[in-house]
Full PDB file with SEQRES, HELIX, SHEET, SSBOND, CRYST1, ORIGX, SCALE, CONECT and MASTER records, all heavy atoms in Angstrom:
SEQRES   1 A   41  LYS SER GLU LEU LEU THR GLU SER PHE THR GLU LEU ASN          
SEQRES   2 A   41  LYS LEU VAL GLN PHE LEU ASN GLU ASN ILE ASN THR THR          
SEQRES   3 A   41  ILE LEU ILE SER GLY HIS THR ASP ASN THR GLY LYS GLU          
SEQRES   4 A   41  ALA GLN                                                      
HELIX    1 AA1 THR A    6  SER A    8  5                                   3    
HELIX    2 AA2 PHE A    9  GLU A   21  1                                  13    
CRYST1    1.000    1.000    1.000  90.00  90.00  90.00 P 1           1          
ORIGX1      1.000000  0.000000  0.000000        0.00000                         
ORIGX2      0.000000  1.000000  0.000000        0.00000                         
ORIGX3      0.000000  0.000000  1.000000        0.00000                         
SCALE1      1.000000  0.000000  0.000000        0.00000                         
SCALE2      0.000000  1.000000  0.000000        0.00000                         
SCALE3      0.000000  0.000000  1.000000        0.00000                         
ATOM      1  N   LYS A   1     114.713 161.599  40.300  1.00  0.00           N  
ATOM      2  CA  LYS A   1     113.393 162.193  40.093  1.00  0.00           C  
ATOM      3  C   LYS A   1     112.302 161.153  40.290  1.00  0.00           C  
ATOM      4  O   LYS A   1     112.496 159.976  40.030  1.00  0.00           O  
ATOM      5  CB  LYS A   1     113.298 162.782  38.680  1.00  0.00           C  
ATOM      6  CG  LYS A   1     114.261 163.932  38.451  1.00  0.00           C  
ATOM      7  CD  LYS A   1     114.103 164.506  37.079  1.00  0.00           C  
ATOM      8  CE  LYS A   1     115.073 165.664  36.900  1.00  0.00           C  
ATOM      9  NZ  LYS A   1     114.965 166.250  35.583  1.00  0.00           N  
ATOM     10  N   SER A   2     111.157 161.650  40.740  1.00  0.00           N  
ATOM     11  CA  SER A   2     110.020 160.759  40.924  1.00  0.00           C  
ATOM     12  C   SER A   2     108.840 161.167  40.045  1.00  0.00           C  
ATOM     13  O   SER A   2     107.788 160.546  40.114  1.00  0.00           O  
ATOM     14  CB  SER A   2     109.600 160.739  42.396  1.00  0.00           C  
ATOM     15  OG  SER A   2     109.215 162.038  42.809  1.00  0.00           O  
ATOM     16  N   GLU A   3     109.022 162.194  39.205  1.00  0.00           N  
ATOM     17  CA  GLU A   3     107.937 162.621  38.325  1.00  0.00           C  
ATOM     18  C   GLU A   3     107.734 161.582  37.232  1.00  0.00           C  
ATOM     19  O   GLU A   3     108.676 160.959  36.760  1.00  0.00           O  
ATOM     20  CB  GLU A   3     108.264 163.980  37.677  1.00  0.00           C  
ATOM     21  CG  GLU A   3     108.338 165.129  38.654  1.00  0.00           C  
ATOM     22  CD  GLU A   3     109.719 165.254  39.288  1.00  0.00           C  
ATOM     23  OE1 GLU A   3     110.699 164.746  38.719  1.00  0.00           O  
ATOM     24  OE2 GLU A   3     109.811 165.837  40.376  1.00  0.00           O  
ATOM     25  N   LEU A   4     106.487 161.444  36.829  1.00  0.00           N  
ATOM     26  CA  LEU A   4     106.168 160.506  35.760  1.00  0.00           C  
ATOM     27  C   LEU A   4     106.689 161.042  34.428  1.00  0.00           C  
ATOM     28  O   LEU A   4     106.618 162.238  34.161  1.00  0.00           O  
ATOM     29  CB  LEU A   4     104.656 160.306  35.674  1.00  0.00           C  
ATOM     30  CG  LEU A   4     104.005 159.689  36.902  1.00  0.00           C  
ATOM     31  CD1 LEU A   4     102.494 159.670  36.749  1.00  0.00           C  
ATOM     32  CD2 LEU A   4     104.533 158.286  37.135  1.00  0.00           C  
ATOM     33  N   LEU A   5     107.199 160.145  33.613  1.00  0.00           N  
ATOM     34  CA  LEU A   5     107.673 160.516  32.294  1.00  0.00           C  
ATOM     35  C   LEU A   5     106.496 160.584  31.335  1.00  0.00           C  
ATOM     36  O   LEU A   5     105.558 159.778  31.426  1.00  0.00           O  
ATOM     37  CB  LEU A   5     108.693 159.494  31.782  1.00  0.00           C  
ATOM     38  CG  LEU A   5     109.944 159.296  32.636  1.00  0.00           C  
ATOM     39  CD1 LEU A   5     110.798 158.169  32.073  1.00  0.00           C  
ATOM     40  CD2 LEU A   5     110.744 160.593  32.700  1.00  0.00           C  
ATOM     41  N   THR A   6     106.553 161.515  30.404  1.00  0.00           N  
ATOM     42  CA  THR A   6     105.482 161.668  29.423  1.00  0.00           C  
ATOM     43  C   THR A   6     105.195 160.358  28.709  1.00  0.00           C  
ATOM     44  O   THR A   6     104.036 159.993  28.489  1.00  0.00           O  
ATOM     45  CB  THR A   6     105.860 162.758  28.395  1.00  0.00           C  
ATOM     46  OG1 THR A   6     106.106 163.975  29.104  1.00  0.00           O  
ATOM     47  CG2 THR A   6     104.748 162.983  27.395  1.00  0.00           C  
ATOM     48  N   GLU A   7     106.243 159.623  28.373  1.00  0.00           N  
ATOM     49  CA  GLU A   7     106.058 158.368  27.650  1.00  0.00           C  
ATOM     50  C   GLU A   7     105.407 157.284  28.508  1.00  0.00           C  
ATOM     51  O   GLU A   7     104.990 156.245  27.990  1.00  0.00           O  
ATOM     52  CB  GLU A   7     107.374 157.863  27.049  1.00  0.00           C  
ATOM     53  CG  GLU A   7     108.496 157.709  28.032  1.00  0.00           C  
ATOM     54  CD  GLU A   7     109.418 158.917  28.136  1.00  0.00           C  
ATOM     55  OE1 GLU A   7     108.999 160.060  27.884  1.00  0.00           O  
ATOM     56  OE2 GLU A   7     110.587 158.717  28.520  1.00  0.00           O  
ATOM     57  N   SER A   8     105.273 157.506  29.798  1.00  0.00           N  
ATOM     58  CA  SER A   8     104.634 156.527  30.688  1.00  0.00           C  
ATOM     59  C   SER A   8     103.113 156.619  30.666  1.00  0.00           C  
ATOM     60  O   SER A   8     102.427 155.651  31.018  1.00  0.00           O  
ATOM     61  CB  SER A   8     105.104 156.732  32.124  1.00  0.00           C  
ATOM     62  OG  SER A   8     106.491 156.562  32.217  1.00  0.00           O  
ATOM     63  N   PHE A   9     102.568 157.750  30.257  1.00  0.00           N  
ATOM     64  CA  PHE A   9     101.127 157.953  30.355  1.00  0.00           C  
ATOM     65  C   PHE A   9     100.321 156.967  29.512  1.00  0.00           C  
ATOM     66  O   PHE A   9      99.254 156.533  29.929  1.00  0.00           O  
ATOM     67  CB  PHE A   9     100.747 159.393  30.024  1.00  0.00           C  
ATOM     68  CG  PHE A   9     101.230 160.376  31.057  1.00  0.00           C  
ATOM     69  CD1 PHE A   9     102.041 161.434  30.697  1.00  0.00           C  
ATOM     70  CD2 PHE A   9     100.880 160.233  32.393  1.00  0.00           C  
ATOM     71  CE1 PHE A   9     102.493 162.338  31.651  1.00  0.00           C  
ATOM     72  CE2 PHE A   9     101.323 161.126  33.351  1.00  0.00           C  
ATOM     73  CZ  PHE A   9     102.139 162.182  32.975  1.00  0.00           C  
ATOM     74  N   THR A  10     100.813 156.588  28.356  1.00  0.00           N  
ATOM     75  CA  THR A  10     100.087 155.634  27.519  1.00  0.00           C  
ATOM     76  C   THR A  10      99.888 154.324  28.262  1.00  0.00           C  
ATOM     77  O   THR A  10      98.771 153.783  28.315  1.00  0.00           O  
ATOM     78  CB  THR A  10     100.836 155.391  26.191  1.00  0.00           C  
ATOM     79  OG1 THR A  10     100.942 156.633  25.503  1.00  0.00           O  
ATOM     80  CG2 THR A  10     100.113 154.387  25.326  1.00  0.00           C  
ATOM     81  N   GLU A  11     100.951 153.802  28.854  1.00  0.00           N  
ATOM     82  CA  GLU A  11     100.850 152.539  29.598  1.00  0.00           C  
ATOM     83  C   GLU A  11     100.032 152.697  30.864  1.00  0.00           C  
ATOM     84  O   GLU A  11      99.240 151.819  31.213  1.00  0.00           O  
ATOM     85  CB  GLU A  11     102.248 151.992  29.925  1.00  0.00           C  
ATOM     86  CG  GLU A  11     103.032 151.565  28.701  1.00  0.00           C  
ATOM     87  CD  GLU A  11     102.321 150.528  27.851  1.00  0.00           C  
ATOM     88  OE1 GLU A  11     101.767 149.556  28.420  1.00  0.00           O  
ATOM     89  OE2 GLU A  11     102.302 150.686  26.621  1.00  0.00           O  
ATOM     90  N   LEU A  12     100.199 153.811  31.547  1.00  0.00           N  
ATOM     91  CA  LEU A  12      99.417 154.031  32.768  1.00  0.00           C  
ATOM     92  C   LEU A  12      97.932 154.136  32.456  1.00  0.00           C  
ATOM     93  O   LEU A  12      97.102 153.634  33.210  1.00  0.00           O  
ATOM     94  CB  LEU A  12      99.907 155.280  33.500  1.00  0.00           C  
ATOM     95  CG  LEU A  12     101.268 155.143  34.176  1.00  0.00           C  
ATOM     96  CD1 LEU A  12     101.732 156.481  34.712  1.00  0.00           C  
ATOM     97  CD2 LEU A  12     101.226 154.095  35.281  1.00  0.00           C  
ATOM     98  N   ASN A  13      97.595 154.745  31.346  1.00  0.00           N  
ATOM     99  CA  ASN A  13      96.184 154.846  30.968  1.00  0.00           C  
ATOM    100  C   ASN A  13      95.613 153.475  30.606  1.00  0.00           C  
ATOM    101  O   ASN A  13      94.437 153.209  30.870  1.00  0.00           O  
ATOM    102  CB  ASN A  13      95.997 155.849  29.839  1.00  0.00           C  
ATOM    103  CG  ASN A  13      96.189 157.283  30.326  1.00  0.00           C  
ATOM    104  OD1 ASN A  13      95.986 157.590  31.496  1.00  0.00           O  
ATOM    105  ND2 ASN A  13      96.607 158.158  29.435  1.00  0.00           N  
ATOM    106  N   LYS A  14      96.434 152.600  30.034  1.00  0.00           N  
ATOM    107  CA  LYS A  14      95.998 151.218  29.791  1.00  0.00           C  
ATOM    108  C   LYS A  14      95.725 150.522  31.122  1.00  0.00           C  
ATOM    109  O   LYS A  14      94.769 149.759  31.255  1.00  0.00           O  
ATOM    110  CB  LYS A  14      97.050 150.439  29.001  1.00  0.00           C  
ATOM    111  CG  LYS A  14      97.173 150.860  27.565  1.00  0.00           C  
ATOM    112  CD  LYS A  14      98.278 150.062  26.881  1.00  0.00           C  
ATOM    113  CE  LYS A  14      98.546 150.559  25.480  1.00  0.00           C  
ATOM    114  NZ  LYS A  14      99.667 149.828  24.848  1.00  0.00           N  
ATOM    115  N   LEU A  15      96.572 150.779  32.100  1.00  0.00           N  
ATOM    116  CA  LEU A  15      96.388 150.199  33.425  1.00  0.00           C  
ATOM    117  C   LEU A  15      95.101 150.721  34.066  1.00  0.00           C  
ATOM    118  O   LEU A  15      94.340 149.954  34.664  1.00  0.00           O  
ATOM    119  CB  LEU A  15      97.601 150.498  34.305  1.00  0.00           C  
ATOM    120  CG  LEU A  15      97.563 149.985  35.731  1.00  0.00           C  
ATOM    121  CD1 LEU A  15      97.396 148.459  35.764  1.00  0.00           C  
ATOM    122  CD2 LEU A  15      98.835 150.397  36.461  1.00  0.00           C  
ATOM    123  N   VAL A  16      94.843 152.014  33.929  1.00  0.00           N  
ATOM    124  CA  VAL A  16      93.602 152.593  34.454  1.00  0.00           C  
ATOM    125  C   VAL A  16      92.403 151.908  33.816  1.00  0.00           C  
ATOM    126  O   VAL A  16      91.452 151.511  34.509  1.00  0.00           O  
ATOM    127  CB  VAL A  16      93.556 154.125  34.201  1.00  0.00           C  
ATOM    128  CG1 VAL A  16      92.162 154.682  34.474  1.00  0.00           C  
ATOM    129  CG2 VAL A  16      94.600 154.834  35.049  1.00  0.00           C  
ATOM    130  N   GLN A  17      92.443 151.730  32.507  1.00  0.00           N  
ATOM    131  CA  GLN A  17      91.337 151.068  31.811  1.00  0.00           C  
ATOM    132  C   GLN A  17      91.155 149.645  32.328  1.00  0.00           C  
ATOM    133  O   GLN A  17      90.040 149.207  32.602  1.00  0.00           O  
ATOM    134  CB  GLN A  17      91.587 151.058  30.307  1.00  0.00           C  
ATOM    135  CG  GLN A  17      90.462 150.417  29.519  1.00  0.00           C  
ATOM    136  CD  GLN A  17      90.700 150.460  28.025  1.00  0.00           C  
ATOM    137  OE1 GLN A  17      91.609 151.099  27.531  1.00  0.00           O  
ATOM    138  NE2 GLN A  17      89.862 149.755  27.289  1.00  0.00           N  
ATOM    139  N   PHE A  18      92.257 148.923  32.481  1.00  0.00           N  
ATOM    140  CA  PHE A  18      92.185 147.556  32.999  1.00  0.00           C  
ATOM    141  C   PHE A  18      91.556 147.534  34.386  1.00  0.00           C  
ATOM    142  O   PHE A  18      90.685 146.713  34.670  1.00  0.00           O  
ATOM    143  CB  PHE A  18      93.581 146.928  33.032  1.00  0.00           C  
ATOM    144  CG  PHE A  18      93.606 145.578  33.681  1.00  0.00           C  
ATOM    145  CD1 PHE A  18      93.287 144.440  32.956  1.00  0.00           C  
ATOM    146  CD2 PHE A  18      93.929 145.445  35.024  1.00  0.00           C  
ATOM    147  CE1 PHE A  18      93.281 143.190  33.562  1.00  0.00           C  
ATOM    148  CE2 PHE A  18      93.927 144.206  35.644  1.00  0.00           C  
ATOM    149  CZ  PHE A  18      93.609 143.075  34.902  1.00  0.00           C  
ATOM    150  N   LEU A  19      91.996 148.423  35.256  1.00  0.00           N  
ATOM    151  CA  LEU A  19      91.472 148.452  36.620  1.00  0.00           C  
ATOM    152  C   LEU A  19      89.997 148.852  36.639  1.00  0.00           C  
ATOM    153  O   LEU A  19      89.225 148.350  37.459  1.00  0.00           O  
ATOM    154  CB  LEU A  19      92.310 149.388  37.495  1.00  0.00           C  
ATOM    155  CG  LEU A  19      93.723 148.882  37.800  1.00  0.00           C  
ATOM    156  CD1 LEU A  19      94.561 149.981  38.447  1.00  0.00           C  
ATOM    157  CD2 LEU A  19      93.693 147.646  38.670  1.00  0.00           C  
ATOM    158  N   ASN A  20      89.593 149.727  35.740  1.00  0.00           N  
ATOM    159  CA  ASN A  20      88.173 150.101  35.645  1.00  0.00           C  
ATOM    160  C   ASN A  20      87.323 148.932  35.168  1.00  0.00           C  
ATOM    161  O   ASN A  20      86.167 148.810  35.552  1.00  0.00           O  
ATOM    162  CB  ASN A  20      87.994 151.294  34.710  1.00  0.00           C  
ATOM    163  CG  ASN A  20      88.330 152.611  35.384  1.00  0.00           C  
ATOM    164  OD1 ASN A  20      88.161 152.765  36.594  1.00  0.00           O  
ATOM    165  ND2 ASN A  20      88.803 153.557  34.603  1.00  0.00           N  
ATOM    166  N   GLU A  21      87.887 148.091  34.334  1.00  0.00           N  
ATOM    167  CA  GLU A  21      87.156 146.937  33.810  1.00  0.00           C  
ATOM    168  C   GLU A  21      87.169 145.754  34.779  1.00  0.00           C  
ATOM    169  O   GLU A  21      86.387 144.817  34.622  1.00  0.00           O  
ATOM    170  CB  GLU A  21      87.754 146.502  32.469  1.00  0.00           C  
ATOM    171  CG  GLU A  21      87.528 147.515  31.363  1.00  0.00           C  
ATOM    172  CD  GLU A  21      88.306 147.218  30.097  1.00  0.00           C  
ATOM    173  OE1 GLU A  21      89.112 146.254  30.079  1.00  0.00           O  
ATOM    174  OE2 GLU A  21      88.126 147.973  29.128  1.00  0.00           O  
ATOM    175  N   ASN A  22      88.057 145.781  35.751  1.00  0.00           N  
ATOM    176  CA  ASN A  22      88.216 144.689  36.713  1.00  0.00           C  
ATOM    177  C   ASN A  22      88.150 145.268  38.125  1.00  0.00           C  
ATOM    178  O   ASN A  22      89.170 145.415  38.799  1.00  0.00           O  
ATOM    179  CB  ASN A  22      89.546 143.970  36.467  1.00  0.00           C  
ATOM    180  CG  ASN A  22      89.590 143.322  35.108  1.00  0.00           C  
ATOM    181  OD1 ASN A  22      89.120 142.214  34.920  1.00  0.00           O  
ATOM    182  ND2 ASN A  22      90.139 144.032  34.129  1.00  0.00           N  
ATOM    183  N   ILE A  23      86.926 145.562  38.553  1.00  0.00           N  
ATOM    184  CA  ILE A  23      86.744 146.360  39.771  1.00  0.00           C  
ATOM    185  C   ILE A  23      87.124 145.647  41.059  1.00  0.00           C  
ATOM    186  O   ILE A  23      87.276 146.287  42.096  1.00  0.00           O  
ATOM    187  CB  ILE A  23      85.302 146.894  39.863  1.00  0.00           C  
ATOM    188  CG1 ILE A  23      84.310 145.737  39.877  1.00  0.00           C  
ATOM    189  CG2 ILE A  23      85.007 147.857  38.730  1.00  0.00           C  
ATOM    190  CD1 ILE A  23      82.886 146.163  40.173  1.00  0.00           C  
ATOM    191  N   ASN A  24      87.308 144.339  41.021  1.00  0.00           N  
ATOM    192  CA  ASN A  24      87.739 143.614  42.217  1.00  0.00           C  
ATOM    193  C   ASN A  24      89.246 143.408  42.269  1.00  0.00           C  
ATOM    194  O   ASN A  24      89.748 142.720  43.159  1.00  0.00           O  
ATOM    195  CB  ASN A  24      87.024 142.264  42.299  1.00  0.00           C  
ATOM    196  CG  ASN A  24      85.547 142.433  42.555  1.00  0.00           C  
ATOM    197  OD1 ASN A  24      85.145 143.313  43.307  1.00  0.00           O  
ATOM    198  ND2 ASN A  24      84.734 141.620  41.913  1.00  0.00           N  
ATOM    199  N   THR A  25      89.942 143.999  41.341  1.00  0.00           N  
ATOM    200  CA  THR A  25      91.388 143.844  41.258  1.00  0.00           C  
ATOM    201  C   THR A  25      92.078 144.942  42.055  1.00  0.00           C  
ATOM    202  O   THR A  25      91.676 146.097  42.021  1.00  0.00           O  
ATOM    203  CB  THR A  25      91.827 143.915  39.781  1.00  0.00           C  
ATOM    204  OG1 THR A  25      91.215 142.835  39.081  1.00  0.00           O  
ATOM    205  CG2 THR A  25      93.325 143.812  39.635  1.00  0.00           C  
ATOM    206  N   THR A  26      93.113 144.555  42.786  1.00  0.00           N  
ATOM    207  CA  THR A  26      93.959 145.524  43.480  1.00  0.00           C  
ATOM    208  C   THR A  26      95.337 145.490  42.844  1.00  0.00           C  
ATOM    209  O   THR A  26      95.674 144.579  42.078  1.00  0.00           O  
ATOM    210  CB  THR A  26      94.070 145.205  44.981  1.00  0.00           C  
ATOM    211  OG1 THR A  26      94.636 143.910  45.139  1.00  0.00           O  
ATOM    212  CG2 THR A  26      92.715 145.276  45.656  1.00  0.00           C  
ATOM    213  N   ILE A  27      96.153 146.465  43.184  1.00  0.00           N  
ATOM    214  CA  ILE A  27      97.467 146.567  42.573  1.00  0.00           C  
ATOM    215  C   ILE A  27      98.505 146.926  43.634  1.00  0.00           C  
ATOM    216  O   ILE A  27      98.231 147.707  44.551  1.00  0.00           O  
ATOM    217  CB  ILE A  27      97.452 147.610  41.433  1.00  0.00           C  
ATOM    218  CG1 ILE A  27      98.761 147.614  40.673  1.00  0.00           C  
ATOM    219  CG2 ILE A  27      97.088 148.985  41.931  1.00  0.00           C  
ATOM    220  CD1 ILE A  27      98.704 148.374  39.369  1.00  0.00           C  
ATOM    221  N   LEU A  28      99.667 146.318  43.508  1.00  0.00           N  
ATOM    222  CA  LEU A  28     100.823 146.654  44.342  1.00  0.00           C  
ATOM    223  C   LEU A  28     101.856 147.277  43.430  1.00  0.00           C  
ATOM    224  O   LEU A  28     102.301 146.650  42.458  1.00  0.00           O  
ATOM    225  CB  LEU A  28     101.401 145.416  45.024  1.00  0.00           C  
ATOM    226  CG  LEU A  28     102.726 145.615  45.748  1.00  0.00           C  
ATOM    227  CD1 LEU A  28     102.589 146.647  46.866  1.00  0.00           C  
ATOM    228  CD2 LEU A  28     103.255 144.308  46.289  1.00  0.00           C  
ATOM    229  N   ILE A  29     102.234 148.503  43.723  1.00  0.00           N  
ATOM    230  CA  ILE A  29     103.204 149.244  42.926  1.00  0.00           C  
ATOM    231  C   ILE A  29     104.520 149.258  43.690  1.00  0.00           C  
ATOM    232  O   ILE A  29     104.557 149.597  44.877  1.00  0.00           O  
ATOM    233  CB  ILE A  29     102.718 150.684  42.689  1.00  0.00           C  
ATOM    234  CG1 ILE A  29     101.341 150.658  42.014  1.00  0.00           C  
ATOM    235  CG2 ILE A  29     103.725 151.470  41.869  1.00  0.00           C  
ATOM    236  CD1 ILE A  29     100.596 151.966  42.103  1.00  0.00           C  
ATOM    237  N   SER A  30     105.600 148.866  43.017  1.00  0.00           N  
ATOM    238  CA  SER A  30     106.907 148.853  43.674  1.00  0.00           C  
ATOM    239  C   SER A  30     107.883 149.754  42.914  1.00  0.00           C  
ATOM    240  O   SER A  30     108.023 149.654  41.706  1.00  0.00           O  
ATOM    241  CB  SER A  30     107.461 147.428  43.780  1.00  0.00           C  
ATOM    242  OG  SER A  30     107.582 146.836  42.508  1.00  0.00           O  
ATOM    243  N   GLY A  31     108.518 150.644  43.669  1.00  0.00           N  
ATOM    244  CA  GLY A  31     109.507 151.554  43.099  1.00  0.00           C  
ATOM    245  C   GLY A  31     110.907 151.039  43.378  1.00  0.00           C  
ATOM    246  O   GLY A  31     111.162 150.412  44.415  1.00  0.00           O  
ATOM    247  N   HIS A  32     111.820 151.314  42.437  1.00  0.00           N  
ATOM    248  CA  HIS A  32     113.196 150.829  42.531  1.00  0.00           C  
ATOM    249  C   HIS A  32     114.167 151.905  42.055  1.00  0.00           C  
ATOM    250  O   HIS A  32     113.798 152.789  41.279  1.00  0.00           O  
ATOM    251  CB  HIS A  32     113.372 149.572  41.671  1.00  0.00           C  
ATOM    252  CG  HIS A  32     112.399 148.497  41.992  1.00  0.00           C  
ATOM    253  ND1 HIS A  32     112.637 147.551  42.963  1.00  0.00           N  
ATOM    254  CD2 HIS A  32     111.164 148.225  41.501  1.00  0.00           C  
ATOM    255  CE1 HIS A  32     111.598 146.734  43.040  1.00  0.00           C  
ATOM    256  NE2 HIS A  32     110.682 147.123  42.166  1.00  0.00           N  
ATOM    257  N   THR A  33     115.413 151.795  42.498  1.00  0.00           N  
ATOM    258  CA  THR A  33     116.467 152.704  42.072  1.00  0.00           C  
ATOM    259  C   THR A  33     117.708 151.893  41.682  1.00  0.00           C  
ATOM    260  O   THR A  33     117.770 150.689  41.903  1.00  0.00           O  
ATOM    261  CB  THR A  33     116.888 153.672  43.202  1.00  0.00           C  
ATOM    262  OG1 THR A  33     117.484 152.910  44.263  1.00  0.00           O  
ATOM    263  CG2 THR A  33     115.711 154.461  43.743  1.00  0.00           C  
ATOM    264  N   ASP A  34     118.695 152.610  41.132  1.00  0.00           N  
ATOM    265  CA  ASP A  34     119.999 151.983  40.954  1.00  0.00           C  
ATOM    266  C   ASP A  34     120.738 152.088  42.292  1.00  0.00           C  
ATOM    267  O   ASP A  34     120.155 152.492  43.298  1.00  0.00           O  
ATOM    268  CB  ASP A  34     120.772 152.632  39.800  1.00  0.00           C  
ATOM    269  CG  ASP A  34     121.029 154.116  40.013  1.00  0.00           C  
ATOM    270  OD1 ASP A  34     121.198 154.563  41.175  1.00  0.00           O  
ATOM    271  OD2 ASP A  34     121.085 154.855  39.016  1.00  0.00           O  
ATOM    272  N   ASN A  35     122.004 151.731  42.320  1.00  0.00           N  
ATOM    273  CA  ASN A  35     122.735 151.721  43.593  1.00  0.00           C  
ATOM    274  C   ASN A  35     123.562 152.975  43.830  1.00  0.00           C  
ATOM    275  O   ASN A  35     124.397 153.003  44.725  1.00  0.00           O  
ATOM    276  CB  ASN A  35     123.610 150.481  43.701  1.00  0.00           C  
ATOM    277  CG  ASN A  35     124.745 150.465  42.700  1.00  0.00           C  
ATOM    278  OD1 ASN A  35     124.790 151.273  41.773  1.00  0.00           O  
ATOM    279  ND2 ASN A  35     125.675 149.532  42.868  1.00  0.00           N  
ATOM    280  N   THR A  36     123.319 154.019  43.054  1.00  0.00           N  
ATOM    281  CA  THR A  36     124.032 155.271  43.242  1.00  0.00           C  
ATOM    282  C   THR A  36     123.484 155.993  44.471  1.00  0.00           C  
ATOM    283  O   THR A  36     122.273 156.085  44.640  1.00  0.00           O  
ATOM    284  CB  THR A  36     123.866 156.167  42.000  1.00  0.00           C  
ATOM    285  OG1 THR A  36     124.326 155.453  40.857  1.00  0.00           O  
ATOM    286  CG2 THR A  36     124.653 157.457  42.144  1.00  0.00           C  
ATOM    287  N   GLY A  37     124.358 156.485  45.314  1.00  0.00           N  
ATOM    288  CA  GLY A  37     123.920 157.227  46.483  1.00  0.00           C  
ATOM    289  C   GLY A  37     123.712 156.336  47.696  1.00  0.00           C  
ATOM    290  O   GLY A  37     123.975 155.143  47.684  1.00  0.00           O  
ATOM    291  N   LYS A  38     123.208 156.975  48.753  1.00  0.00           N  
ATOM    292  CA  LYS A  38     122.979 156.266  50.013  1.00  0.00           C  
ATOM    293  C   LYS A  38     121.668 155.500  49.964  1.00  0.00           C  
ATOM    294  O   LYS A  38     120.688 155.958  49.376  1.00  0.00           O  
ATOM    295  CB  LYS A  38     122.959 157.264  51.165  1.00  0.00           C  
ATOM    296  CG  LYS A  38     124.294 157.959  51.360  1.00  0.00           C  
ATOM    297  CD  LYS A  38     124.260 158.909  52.510  1.00  0.00           C  
ATOM    298  CE  LYS A  38     125.629 159.549  52.674  1.00  0.00           C  
ATOM    299  NZ  LYS A  38     125.671 160.480  53.784  1.00  0.00           N  
ATOM    300  N   GLU A  39     121.654 154.340  50.590  1.00  0.00           N  
ATOM    301  CA  GLU A  39     120.470 153.482  50.535  1.00  0.00           C  
ATOM    302  C   GLU A  39     119.239 154.154  51.135  1.00  0.00           C  
ATOM    303  O   GLU A  39     118.128 153.981  50.625  1.00  0.00           O  
ATOM    304  CB  GLU A  39     120.733 152.134  51.212  1.00  0.00           C  
ATOM    305  CG  GLU A  39     119.601 151.149  51.049  1.00  0.00           C  
ATOM    306  CD  GLU A  39     119.132 150.898  49.610  1.00  0.00           C  
ATOM    307  OE1 GLU A  39     119.957 150.955  48.670  1.00  0.00           O  
ATOM    308  OE2 GLU A  39     117.928 150.649  49.413  1.00  0.00           O  
ATOM    309  N   ALA A  40     119.400 154.916  52.191  1.00  0.00           N  
ATOM    310  CA  ALA A  40     118.247 155.597  52.788  1.00  0.00           C  
ATOM    311  C   ALA A  40     117.616 156.560  51.790  1.00  0.00           C  
ATOM    312  O   ALA A  40     116.381 156.637  51.677  1.00  0.00           O  
ATOM    313  CB  ALA A  40     118.656 156.333  54.054  1.00  0.00           C  
ATOM    314  N   GLN A  41     118.438 157.273  51.056  1.00  0.00           N  
ATOM    315  CA  GLN A  41     117.922 158.183  50.032  1.00  0.00           C  
ATOM    316  C   GLN A  41     117.268 157.405  48.897  1.00  0.00           C  
ATOM    317  O   GLN A  41     116.232 157.809  48.365  1.00  0.00           O  
ATOM    318  CB  GLN A  41     119.042 159.064  49.486  1.00  0.00           C  
ATOM    319  CG  GLN A  41     119.571 160.048  50.506  1.00  0.00           C  
ATOM    320  CD  GLN A  41     120.845 160.734  50.037  1.00  0.00           C  
ATOM    321  OE1 GLN A  41     121.716 160.123  49.430  1.00  0.00           O  
ATOM    322  NE2 GLN A  41     120.955 162.020  50.335  1.00  0.00           N  
TER     323      GLN A  41                                                      
MASTER        0    0    0    2    0    0    0    6  322    1    0    4          
END                                                                             
């Protein structure tokens, strides 16, 4: 699944606040998985 977890919103909202307070800041978001399944998937 790629949907955000309810428990993630608190931290994400902290990140939003940080980014709003630091307008010259950019962010690189990296997604990861375990090794179950095919690598392309």
